[in-house]
Amino acid sequence: MSTQLTARIPYKETELHLDVYETSKEVPTIVFVHGTGSYAAHYTLFLQMLADSGFNVIALDSIGHGRSGGERGVFTMADFIGNVSAAVSYALERYNDRIGAMGTSQGGEVVFVSAWEDERIKSVACHNILLAAKLSLNLKMRVLGQSALVGFLMRFLPDFKYPLERAFDWSKVFLNPATLEEKRRDPLTLWHYSFKSYRTVFTYKPRKPLSEMRTPILIVNGERDEIIPPEHCLKAFKLLPGPKELVIVPHAAHQLVVDYPETLLPIVSGWFKRTL
C-alpha cells in the first residue's frame, strides 16, 4: 500500500504543489498532470489505485493552478513542460530513474510534449493528445491557436481572461451534473485562463523534430469523447514514431480518469509495467 504525502518544489520565482503517493524507493515513478482548470486532488481515487498497483505517483498542480504558486490561470506551455521537468527531477532525487509520465485531457498533451523534449521520461501515457504542432483541431481550438485575428487582438488584450466554458461544452466533459456542480463550488477550480496563456497550448513548437522521439507512447481515448474525439487521436497516433499503442475505451466519454478508473487502471498500469 502507498503512503500519501505532499511536497513543495521550487519553480522560477514560486513553488509547485505535489501530491505524492509513495510505495517504494525501488519501483517506477509516474508523474501525473491534470486537465484544463483542474488540479491533482481531483483525481485522488485513480492516483491511489495506480500507486497501489506498484508505482510511486507524483501528481503536480501546474503553475497558476490548484495549490501551486503563480497568478491564477496565467502560464505558458513552456511553463507546463518546465513543471513536469521539475517533478521529474524531484523523482530522480527521491527514487530512481525509472520514470514515466501520464496526463489527462490537456495534461495528455503536456506530458506528450514533455516526453518529446525530456529524455529522462522513459514512457508516457496520454489520455487524449492534441499533437497541436502537426494537426488541425476543432473550430474553437483553431480560432484560439491558429487565427491571425486572434493573434493580433492578443497584442492588445494579453491579460483578458478567456472563459473556459467558451472553449468547450462542460456538460460533455462531466456527464454527471452533480460532478460538474461540485467542481463549480470548488474554489480551486479555474474557469478562466489568460487569453495569451491559453493560446500557447495550441501554438507551442517543440525543440526537436517528432521523428527523433523514441519514448514509448500510449494514447487512451473514450469512444464517446466529444471533446477530443477518437478520430483526432487516431490521426495523431498514425504520425507518431514507435513504439506506440492506442486504446479506445468502449462506451466511455471524456473523463476517463474520473468516471472510469477501474477500466483505465489495468490499461495504464499494464503499459507502464511493460515499458519501465
C-alpha atoms as a PDB file:
ATOM      1  CA  MET A   1       0.000   0.000   0.000  1.00  0.00           C
ATOM      2  CA  SER A   2       1.186   3.503  -0.769  1.00  0.00           C
ATOM      3  CA  THR A   3       1.524   6.426   1.637  1.00  0.00           C
ATOM      4  CA  GLN A   4       0.152   9.816   0.619  1.00  0.00           C
ATOM      5  CA  LEU A   5       2.103  12.967   1.396  1.00  0.00           C
ATOM      6  CA  THR A   6       2.540  16.450  -0.047  1.00  0.00           C
ATOM      7  CA  ALA A   7       5.601  18.404  -1.126  1.00  0.00           C
ATOM      8  CA  ARG A   8       6.577  21.831  -2.432  1.00  0.00           C
ATOM      9  CA  ILE A   9       9.301  22.246  -5.054  1.00  0.00           C
ATOM     10  CA  PRO A  10      10.779  25.456  -6.478  1.00  0.00           C
ATOM     11  CA  TYR A  11       9.915  26.664  -9.961  1.00  0.00           C
ATOM     12  CA  LYS A  12      11.217  30.044 -11.132  1.00  0.00           C
ATOM     13  CA  GLU A  13      10.140  32.621  -8.506  1.00  0.00           C
ATOM     14  CA  THR A  14       7.421  30.461  -6.986  1.00  0.00           C
ATOM     15  CA  GLU A  15       6.680  26.906  -5.795  1.00  0.00           C
ATOM     16  CA  LEU A  16       4.731  23.972  -7.160  1.00  0.00           C
ATOM     17  CA  HIS A  17       2.481  21.758  -5.052  1.00  0.00           C
ATOM     18  CA  LEU A  18       2.840  17.980  -5.383  1.00  0.00           C
ATOM     19  CA  ASP A  19       0.579  15.189  -4.150  1.00  0.00           C
ATOM     20  CA  VAL A  20       2.897  12.214  -3.678  1.00  0.00           C
ATOM     21  CA  TYR A  21       1.736   8.601  -3.393  1.00  0.00           C
ATOM     22  CA  GLU A  22       4.841   6.753  -2.192  1.00  0.00           C
ATOM     23  CA  THR A  23       5.124   2.982  -2.490  1.00  0.00           C
ATOM     24  CA  SER A  24       8.828   2.079  -2.510  1.00  0.00           C
ATOM     25  CA  LYS A  25      12.221   3.508  -3.446  1.00  0.00           C
ATOM     26  CA  GLU A  26      12.699   0.644  -5.902  1.00  0.00           C
ATOM     27  CA  VAL A  27       9.512   0.802  -8.008  1.00  0.00           C
ATOM     28  CA  PRO A  28       8.970   3.070 -11.046  1.00  0.00           C
ATOM     29  CA  THR A  29       7.557   6.578 -10.604  1.00  0.00           C
ATOM     30  CA  ILE A  30       4.750   8.166 -12.624  1.00  0.00           C
ATOM     31  CA  VAL A  31       4.462  11.969 -12.894  1.00  0.00           C
ATOM     32  CA  PHE A  32       0.783  12.875 -13.391  1.00  0.00           C
ATOM     33  CA  VAL A  33      -0.577  16.086 -14.950  1.00  0.00           C
ATOM     34  CA  HIS A  34      -4.188  17.275 -14.542  1.00  0.00           C
ATOM     35  CA  GLY A  35      -6.579  18.652 -17.153  1.00  0.00           C
ATOM     36  CA  THR A  36      -7.813  22.150 -18.027  1.00  0.00           C
ATOM     37  CA  GLY A  37      -8.592  24.308 -14.999  1.00  0.00           C
ATOM     38  CA  SER A  38      -8.109  21.384 -12.665  1.00  0.00           C
ATOM     39  CA  TYR A  39      -5.506  20.209 -10.140  1.00  0.00           C
ATOM     40  CA  ALA A  40      -4.104  16.962  -8.754  1.00  0.00           C
ATOM     41  CA  ALA A  41      -6.592  16.327  -5.930  1.00  0.00           C
ATOM     42  CA  HIS A  42      -9.473  15.945  -8.405  1.00  0.00           C
ATOM     43  CA  TYR A  43      -8.015  12.559  -9.369  1.00  0.00           C
ATOM     44  CA  THR A  44      -7.221  11.105  -5.947  1.00  0.00           C
ATOM     45  CA  LEU A  45      -9.115   7.821  -6.378  1.00  0.00           C
ATOM     46  CA  PHE A  46      -7.348   6.860  -9.584  1.00  0.00           C
ATOM     47  CA  LEU A  47      -3.938   8.072  -8.391  1.00  0.00           C
ATOM     48  CA  GLN A  48      -4.203   5.988  -5.221  1.00  0.00           C
ATOM     49  CA  MET A  49      -5.225   2.965  -7.304  1.00  0.00           C
ATOM     50  CA  LEU A  50      -2.307   3.494  -9.680  1.00  0.00           C
ATOM     51  CA  ALA A  51       0.167   3.765  -6.808  1.00  0.00           C
ATOM     52  CA  ASP A  52      -1.224   0.645  -5.135  1.00  0.00           C
ATOM     53  CA  SER A  53      -0.702  -1.280  -8.385  1.00  0.00           C
ATOM     54  CA  GLY A  54       3.055  -0.881  -7.934  1.00  0.00           C
ATOM     55  CA  PHE A  55       4.249   2.682  -8.544  1.00  0.00           C
ATOM     56  CA  ASN A  56       5.215   5.894  -6.865  1.00  0.00           C
ATOM     57  CA  VAL A  57       2.948   8.640  -8.220  1.00  0.00           C
ATOM     58  CA  ILE A  58       3.813  12.342  -8.214  1.00  0.00           C
ATOM     59  CA  ALA A  59       0.770  14.431  -9.154  1.00  0.00           C
ATOM     60  CA  LEU A  60       1.521  18.101  -9.679  1.00  0.00           C
ATOM     61  CA  ASP A  61      -0.590  21.232  -9.626  1.00  0.00           C
ATOM     62  CA  SER A  62       0.695  23.203 -12.610  1.00  0.00           C
ATOM     63  CA  ILE A  63       1.796  26.795 -12.145  1.00  0.00           C
ATOM     64  CA  GLY A  64      -1.210  29.098 -11.660  1.00  0.00           C
ATOM     65  CA  HIS A  65      -3.426  26.102 -10.760  1.00  0.00           C
ATOM     66  CA  GLY A  66      -4.665  24.456  -7.590  1.00  0.00           C
ATOM     67  CA  ARG A  67      -2.329  24.867  -4.638  1.00  0.00           C
ATOM     68  CA  SER A  68       0.735  25.872  -6.658  1.00  0.00           C
ATOM     69  CA  GLY A  69       2.026  29.408  -6.792  1.00  0.00           C
ATOM     70  CA  GLY A  70       1.640  31.849  -9.643  1.00  0.00           C
ATOM     71  CA  GLU A  71      -1.187  34.078 -10.812  1.00  0.00           C
ATOM     72  CA  ARG A  72      -4.388  32.074 -11.335  1.00  0.00           C
ATOM     73  CA  GLY A  73      -4.802  30.964 -14.934  1.00  0.00           C
ATOM     74  CA  VAL A  74      -1.597  32.623 -16.126  1.00  0.00           C
ATOM     75  CA  PHE A  75       1.100  30.364 -17.610  1.00  0.00           C
ATOM     76  CA  THR A  76       2.792  29.296 -20.823  1.00  0.00           C
ATOM     77  CA  MET A  77       3.004  25.869 -22.380  1.00  0.00           C
ATOM     78  CA  ALA A  78       6.751  26.124 -21.787  1.00  0.00           C
ATOM     79  CA  ASP A  79       5.954  26.571 -18.074  1.00  0.00           C
ATOM     80  CA  PHE A  80       3.792  23.441 -18.077  1.00  0.00           C
ATOM     81  CA  ILE A  81       6.660  21.476 -19.612  1.00  0.00           C
ATOM     82  CA  GLY A  82       9.078  23.040 -17.126  1.00  0.00           C
ATOM     83  CA  ASN A  83       6.761  21.969 -14.293  1.00  0.00           C
ATOM     84  CA  VAL A  84       6.905  18.352 -15.487  1.00  0.00           C
ATOM     85  CA  SER A  85      10.697  18.596 -15.724  1.00  0.00           C
ATOM     86  CA  ALA A  86      10.852  19.870 -12.130  1.00  0.00           C
ATOM     87  CA  ALA A  87       8.700  16.953 -10.945  1.00  0.00           C
ATOM     88  CA  VAL A  88      10.947  14.511 -12.851  1.00  0.00           C
ATOM     89  CA  SER A  89      13.988  15.993 -11.091  1.00  0.00           C
ATOM     90  CA  TYR A  90      12.204  15.526  -7.745  1.00  0.00           C
ATOM     91  CA  ALA A  91      11.535  11.874  -8.647  1.00  0.00           C
ATOM     92  CA  LEU A  92      15.181  11.292  -9.590  1.00  0.00           C
ATOM     93  CA  GLU A  93      16.375  12.742  -6.293  1.00  0.00           C
ATOM     94  CA  ARG A  94      13.914  10.722  -4.216  1.00  0.00           C
ATOM     95  CA  TYR A  95      13.593   7.390  -6.065  1.00  0.00           C
ATOM     96  CA  ASN A  96      15.302   6.104  -9.240  1.00  0.00           C
ATOM     97  CA  ASP A  97      15.476   6.743 -12.984  1.00  0.00           C
ATOM     98  CA  ARG A  98      12.524   4.507 -13.966  1.00  0.00           C
ATOM     99  CA  ILE A  99      10.225   7.476 -14.593  1.00  0.00           C
ATOM    100  CA  GLY A 100       7.070   7.689 -16.699  1.00  0.00           C
ATOM    101  CA  ALA A 101       4.534  10.463 -17.187  1.00  0.00           C
ATOM    102  CA  MET A 102       0.761  10.431 -17.526  1.00  0.00           C
ATOM    103  CA  GLY A 103      -1.607  13.281 -18.292  1.00  0.00           C
ATOM    104  CA  THR A 104      -5.350  13.598 -18.692  1.00  0.00           C
ATOM    105  CA  SER A 105      -7.133  15.813 -21.238  1.00  0.00           C
ATOM    106  CA  GLN A 106      -4.981  18.955 -21.626  1.00  0.00           C
ATOM    107  CA  GLY A 107      -2.458  17.190 -19.426  1.00  0.00           C
ATOM    108  CA  GLY A 108      -2.189  14.460 -22.052  1.00  0.00           C
ATOM    109  CA  GLU A 109      -0.713  16.980 -24.473  1.00  0.00           C
ATOM    110  CA  VAL A 110       1.540  18.420 -21.761  1.00  0.00           C
ATOM    111  CA  VAL A 111       3.134  15.069 -20.883  1.00  0.00           C
ATOM    112  CA  PHE A 112       3.407  14.108 -24.551  1.00  0.00           C
ATOM    113  CA  VAL A 113       5.428  17.229 -25.398  1.00  0.00           C
ATOM    114  CA  SER A 114       7.389  16.843 -22.151  1.00  0.00           C
ATOM    115  CA  ALA A 115       8.414  13.313 -23.140  1.00  0.00           C
ATOM    116  CA  TRP A 116       9.192  14.591 -26.665  1.00  0.00           C
ATOM    117  CA  GLU A 117      11.711  17.029 -25.142  1.00  0.00           C
ATOM    118  CA  ASP A 118      12.890  15.372 -21.906  1.00  0.00           C
ATOM    119  CA  GLU A 119      14.634  12.028 -22.443  1.00  0.00           C
ATOM    120  CA  ARG A 120      14.590  11.325 -18.698  1.00  0.00           C
ATOM    121  CA  ILE A 121      10.923  10.363 -19.195  1.00  0.00           C
ATOM    122  CA  LYS A 122      11.162   6.715 -20.216  1.00  0.00           C
ATOM    123  CA  SER A 123       7.495   6.118 -21.084  1.00  0.00           C
ATOM    124  CA  VAL A 124       4.362   8.251 -21.465  1.00  0.00           C
ATOM    125  CA  ALA A 125       0.613   7.594 -21.235  1.00  0.00           C
ATOM    126  CA  CYS A 126      -1.608  10.269 -22.761  1.00  0.00           C
ATOM    127  CA  HIS A 127      -5.312  10.350 -22.033  1.00  0.00           C
ATOM    128  CA  ASN A 128      -6.042  12.395 -25.153  1.00  0.00           C
ATOM    129  CA  ILE A 129      -3.455  14.018 -27.352  1.00  0.00           C
ATOM    130  CA  LEU A 130      -3.674  17.158 -29.476  1.00  0.00           C
ATOM    131  CA  LEU A 131      -0.388  16.981 -31.406  1.00  0.00           C
ATOM    132  CA  ALA A 132      -1.071  20.678 -31.922  1.00  0.00           C
ATOM    133  CA  ALA A 133       2.231  21.171 -33.762  1.00  0.00           C
ATOM    134  CA  LYS A 134       1.021  18.859 -36.559  1.00  0.00           C
ATOM    135  CA  LEU A 135      -2.769  18.559 -36.629  1.00  0.00           C
ATOM    136  CA  SER A 136      -5.745  20.885 -37.032  1.00  0.00           C
ATOM    137  CA  LEU A 137      -8.082  20.971 -34.054  1.00  0.00           C
ATOM    138  CA  ASN A 138     -11.790  21.608 -33.643  1.00  0.00           C
ATOM    139  CA  LEU A 139     -13.143  25.003 -34.700  1.00  0.00           C
ATOM    140  CA  LYS A 140     -12.963  26.700 -31.294  1.00  0.00           C
ATOM    141  CA  MET A 141      -9.405  25.479 -30.694  1.00  0.00           C
ATOM    142  CA  ARG A 142      -8.350  26.502 -34.211  1.00  0.00           C
ATOM    143  CA  VAL A 143      -9.652  30.014 -33.582  1.00  0.00           C
ATOM    144  CA  LEU A 144      -7.659  30.213 -30.335  1.00  0.00           C
ATOM    145  CA  GLY A 145      -4.488  28.682 -31.654  1.00  0.00           C
ATOM    146  CA  GLN A 146      -4.297  29.463 -35.353  1.00  0.00           C
ATOM    147  CA  SER A 147      -6.392  32.550 -36.121  1.00  0.00           C
ATOM    148  CA  ALA A 148      -4.296  35.536 -37.233  1.00  0.00           C
ATOM    149  CA  LEU A 149      -7.045  37.854 -35.973  1.00  0.00           C
ATOM    150  CA  VAL A 150      -6.876  36.336 -32.500  1.00  0.00           C
ATOM    151  CA  GLY A 151      -3.102  36.680 -32.594  1.00  0.00           C
ATOM    152  CA  PHE A 152      -3.478  40.357 -33.491  1.00  0.00           C
ATOM    153  CA  LEU A 153      -6.038  41.015 -30.749  1.00  0.00           C
ATOM    154  CA  MET A 154      -3.835  39.264 -28.230  1.00  0.00           C
ATOM    155  CA  ARG A 155      -1.274  42.057 -28.582  1.00  0.00           C
ATOM    156  CA  PHE A 156      -3.805  44.480 -27.118  1.00  0.00           C
ATOM    157  CA  LEU A 157      -5.634  42.126 -24.724  1.00  0.00           C
ATOM    158  CA  PRO A 158      -2.943  39.730 -23.445  1.00  0.00           C
ATOM    159  CA  ASP A 159      -4.384  39.675 -19.916  1.00  0.00           C
ATOM    160  CA  PHE A 160      -8.001  39.200 -20.966  1.00  0.00           C
ATOM    161  CA  LYS A 161      -9.390  36.226 -19.025  1.00  0.00           C
ATOM    162  CA  TYR A 162     -10.892  33.810 -21.521  1.00  0.00           C
ATOM    163  CA  PRO A 163     -13.898  31.867 -20.122  1.00  0.00           C
ATOM    164  CA  LEU A 164     -13.105  28.173 -20.393  1.00  0.00           C
ATOM    165  CA  GLU A 165     -16.793  27.426 -20.905  1.00  0.00           C
ATOM    166  CA  ARG A 166     -16.385  29.123 -24.294  1.00  0.00           C
ATOM    167  CA  ALA A 167     -13.699  26.616 -25.270  1.00  0.00           C
ATOM    168  CA  PHE A 168     -15.921  23.545 -24.961  1.00  0.00           C
ATOM    169  CA  ASP A 169     -19.210  22.339 -23.531  1.00  0.00           C
ATOM    170  CA  TRP A 170     -18.561  21.330 -19.922  1.00  0.00           C
ATOM    171  CA  SER A 171     -21.726  19.245 -19.822  1.00  0.00           C
ATOM    172  CA  LYS A 172     -19.897  16.955 -22.264  1.00  0.00           C
ATOM    173  CA  VAL A 173     -16.815  16.932 -20.055  1.00  0.00           C
ATOM    174  CA  PHE A 174     -18.715  15.886 -16.931  1.00  0.00           C
ATOM    175  CA  LEU A 175     -21.706  13.754 -17.844  1.00  0.00           C
ATOM    176  CA  ASN A 176     -22.831  13.635 -14.210  1.00  0.00           C
ATOM    177  CA  PRO A 177     -24.396  17.059 -13.382  1.00  0.00           C
ATOM    178  CA  ALA A 178     -23.577  16.553  -9.696  1.00  0.00           C
ATOM    179  CA  THR A 179     -19.863  16.204 -10.503  1.00  0.00           C
ATOM    180  CA  LEU A 180     -19.925  19.378 -12.578  1.00  0.00           C
ATOM    181  CA  GLU A 181     -21.754  21.268  -9.833  1.00  0.00           C
ATOM    182  CA  GLU A 182     -19.201  20.064  -7.274  1.00  0.00           C
ATOM    183  CA  LYS A 183     -16.406  21.462  -9.439  1.00  0.00           C
ATOM    184  CA  ARG A 184     -18.221  24.778  -9.746  1.00  0.00           C
ATOM    185  CA  ARG A 185     -18.304  25.053  -5.945  1.00  0.00           C
ATOM    186  CA  ASP A 186     -14.608  24.203  -5.615  1.00  0.00           C
ATOM    187  CA  PRO A 187     -12.698  27.479  -5.081  1.00  0.00           C
ATOM    188  CA  LEU A 188      -9.501  25.941  -6.523  1.00  0.00           C
ATOM    189  CA  THR A 189     -11.054  25.048  -9.886  1.00  0.00           C
ATOM    190  CA  LEU A 190     -10.247  27.583 -12.613  1.00  0.00           C
ATOM    191  CA  TRP A 191     -12.916  28.798 -15.034  1.00  0.00           C
ATOM    192  CA  HIS A 192     -10.841  31.439 -16.834  1.00  0.00           C
ATOM    193  CA  TYR A 193      -7.421  31.385 -18.461  1.00  0.00           C
ATOM    194  CA  SER A 194      -5.416  34.361 -19.597  1.00  0.00           C
ATOM    195  CA  PHE A 195      -6.057  34.782 -23.328  1.00  0.00           C
ATOM    196  CA  LYS A 196      -2.330  34.813 -24.050  1.00  0.00           C
ATOM    197  CA  SER A 197      -1.708  31.819 -21.795  1.00  0.00           C
ATOM    198  CA  TYR A 198      -4.309  29.548 -23.344  1.00  0.00           C
ATOM    199  CA  ARG A 199      -3.115  30.293 -26.871  1.00  0.00           C
ATOM    200  CA  THR A 200       0.358  28.942 -26.046  1.00  0.00           C
ATOM    201  CA  VAL A 201      -1.094  25.457 -25.520  1.00  0.00           C
ATOM    202  CA  PHE A 202      -2.003  25.354 -29.223  1.00  0.00           C
ATOM    203  CA  THR A 203       0.972  27.245 -30.664  1.00  0.00           C
ATOM    204  CA  TYR A 204       3.953  25.754 -28.807  1.00  0.00           C
ATOM    205  CA  LYS A 205       6.709  24.470 -31.108  1.00  0.00           C
ATOM    206  CA  PRO A 206       8.781  21.607 -29.650  1.00  0.00           C
ATOM    207  CA  ARG A 207      12.538  21.945 -29.791  1.00  0.00           C
ATOM    208  CA  LYS A 208      13.271  18.907 -31.989  1.00  0.00           C
ATOM    209  CA  PRO A 209      11.579  17.007 -34.847  1.00  0.00           C
ATOM    210  CA  LEU A 210       8.912  14.457 -33.937  1.00  0.00           C
ATOM    211  CA  SER A 211      10.871  11.827 -35.874  1.00  0.00           C
ATOM    212  CA  GLU A 212      13.568  11.975 -33.194  1.00  0.00           C
ATOM    213  CA  MET A 213      11.211  10.993 -30.386  1.00  0.00           C
ATOM    214  CA  ARG A 214      11.994   7.498 -29.088  1.00  0.00           C
ATOM    215  CA  THR A 215       9.830   7.417 -25.957  1.00  0.00           C
ATOM    216  CA  PRO A 216       7.163   4.669 -25.891  1.00  0.00           C
ATOM    217  CA  ILE A 217       3.746   6.335 -26.202  1.00  0.00           C
ATOM    218  CA  LEU A 218       0.326   5.095 -25.075  1.00  0.00           C
ATOM    219  CA  ILE A 219      -2.751   7.047 -26.180  1.00  0.00           C
ATOM    220  CA  VAL A 220      -6.051   6.287 -24.435  1.00  0.00           C
ATOM    221  CA  ASN A 221      -9.326   7.787 -25.600  1.00  0.00           C
ATOM    222  CA  GLY A 222     -13.022   7.264 -24.877  1.00  0.00           C
ATOM    223  CA  GLU A 223     -15.191   6.002 -27.714  1.00  0.00           C
ATOM    224  CA  ARG A 224     -17.806   8.689 -26.924  1.00  0.00           C
ATOM    225  CA  ASP A 225     -15.353  11.508 -26.157  1.00  0.00           C
ATOM    226  CA  GLU A 226     -16.830  14.658 -27.719  1.00  0.00           C
ATOM    227  CA  ILE A 227     -14.017  16.962 -26.558  1.00  0.00           C
ATOM    228  CA  ILE A 228     -11.074  15.195 -28.225  1.00  0.00           C
ATOM    229  CA  PRO A 229     -12.766  12.538 -30.377  1.00  0.00           C
ATOM    230  CA  PRO A 230     -11.180   9.177 -31.247  1.00  0.00           C
ATOM    231  CA  GLU A 231     -10.781  10.263 -34.873  1.00  0.00           C
ATOM    232  CA  HIS A 232      -8.365  13.001 -33.836  1.00  0.00           C
ATOM    233  CA  CYS A 233      -6.358  10.683 -31.589  1.00  0.00           C
ATOM    234  CA  LEU A 234      -6.128   8.127 -34.401  1.00  0.00           C
ATOM    235  CA  LYS A 235      -4.715  10.775 -36.765  1.00  0.00           C
ATOM    236  CA  ALA A 236      -2.134  11.704 -34.123  1.00  0.00           C
ATOM    237  CA  PHE A 237      -1.286   8.061 -33.498  1.00  0.00           C
ATOM    238  CA  LYS A 238      -0.503   7.462 -37.152  1.00  0.00           C
ATOM    239  CA  LEU A 239       2.020  10.324 -37.139  1.00  0.00           C
ATOM    240  CA  LEU A 240       3.914   9.134 -34.057  1.00  0.00           C
ATOM    241  CA  PRO A 241       7.159   7.176 -34.283  1.00  0.00           C
ATOM    242  CA  GLY A 242       7.176   3.882 -32.414  1.00  0.00           C
ATOM    243  CA  PRO A 243       6.937   2.159 -30.070  1.00  0.00           C
ATOM    244  CA  LYS A 244       3.312   3.146 -29.570  1.00  0.00           C
ATOM    245  CA  GLU A 245      -0.115   1.840 -28.614  1.00  0.00           C
ATOM    246  CA  LEU A 246      -3.650   3.206 -28.995  1.00  0.00           C
ATOM    247  CA  VAL A 247      -6.566   2.080 -26.807  1.00  0.00           C
ATOM    248  CA  ILE A 248     -10.143   3.252 -27.425  1.00  0.00           C
ATOM    249  CA  VAL A 249     -12.274   2.530 -24.354  1.00  0.00           C
ATOM    250  CA  PRO A 250     -15.728   1.302 -25.474  1.00  0.00           C
ATOM    251  CA  HIS A 251     -18.745   3.438 -24.494  1.00  0.00           C
ATOM    252  CA  ALA A 252     -16.573   5.858 -22.449  1.00  0.00           C
ATOM    253  CA  ALA A 253     -16.864   9.656 -22.585  1.00  0.00           C
ATOM    254  CA  HIS A 254     -14.205  12.287 -21.892  1.00  0.00           C
ATOM    255  CA  GLN A 255     -13.423  11.932 -18.185  1.00  0.00           C
ATOM    256  CA  LEU A 256     -11.696   8.546 -18.210  1.00  0.00           C
ATOM    257  CA  VAL A 257      -9.670   9.165 -15.048  1.00  0.00           C
ATOM    258  CA  VAL A 258     -12.652  10.415 -13.018  1.00  0.00           C
ATOM    259  CA  ASP A 259     -15.560   8.365 -14.369  1.00  0.00           C
ATOM    260  CA  TYR A 260     -13.913   5.081 -15.421  1.00  0.00           C
ATOM    261  CA  PRO A 261     -10.961   4.484 -13.043  1.00  0.00           C
ATOM    262  CA  GLU A 262     -11.462   0.714 -12.766  1.00  0.00           C
ATOM    263  CA  THR A 263     -11.443   0.373 -16.556  1.00  0.00           C
ATOM    264  CA  LEU A 264      -8.495   2.709 -17.072  1.00  0.00           C
ATOM    265  CA  LEU A 265      -6.245   1.307 -14.342  1.00  0.00           C
ATOM    266  CA  PRO A 266      -5.210  -2.006 -15.955  1.00  0.00           C
ATOM    267  CA  ILE A 267      -4.592  -0.244 -19.276  1.00  0.00           C
ATOM    268  CA  VAL A 268      -2.247   2.344 -17.777  1.00  0.00           C
ATOM    269  CA  SER A 269      -0.668   0.135 -15.129  1.00  0.00           C
ATOM    270  CA  GLY A 270      -0.019  -2.634 -17.642  1.00  0.00           C
ATOM    271  CA  TRP A 271       1.565  -0.183 -20.080  1.00  0.00           C
ATOM    272  CA  PHE A 272       3.994   1.227 -17.536  1.00  0.00           C
ATOM    273  CA  LYS A 273       4.905  -2.245 -16.209  1.00  0.00           C
ATOM    274  CA  ARG A 274       5.823  -3.244 -19.760  1.00  0.00           C
ATOM    275  CA  THR A 275       7.787  -0.101 -20.594  1.00  0.00           C
ATOM    276  CA  LEU A 276       9.523   0.994 -17.363  1.00  0.00           C
END
